[in-house]
């Protein structure tokens, strides 16, 4: 992870916290960042969501996605969310198939 979060003129880097595996702190930094402004750039949300997915925190990734969808009606966000949901369903199905021996 090499991203930082820009809030006004300040840059908060989550890289150090990520590197030392302080994932709750990474989550907290993102929460602070997305609450700073209603006009916050969608790229901050994307890094936040992507980080949660990278950490395999699917439930945590879904929550900021839901909040972002309330703030923005941009078609690309909805498209990305649909792909995110599709991946969750496919992953669930594959795990189900593996657990039942594909009977």
Foldseek 3Di string as FASTA:
>chain_A
DFDWADDPNDTHRCVVCVVVVVVVVSLVVLVVRVPRDLPGDCVSLVVNLVVCVVVVVLVSSVVSLVVVVVSDVDVVSVVVVVVSVVVVVVVVVVVVCVVVVVD
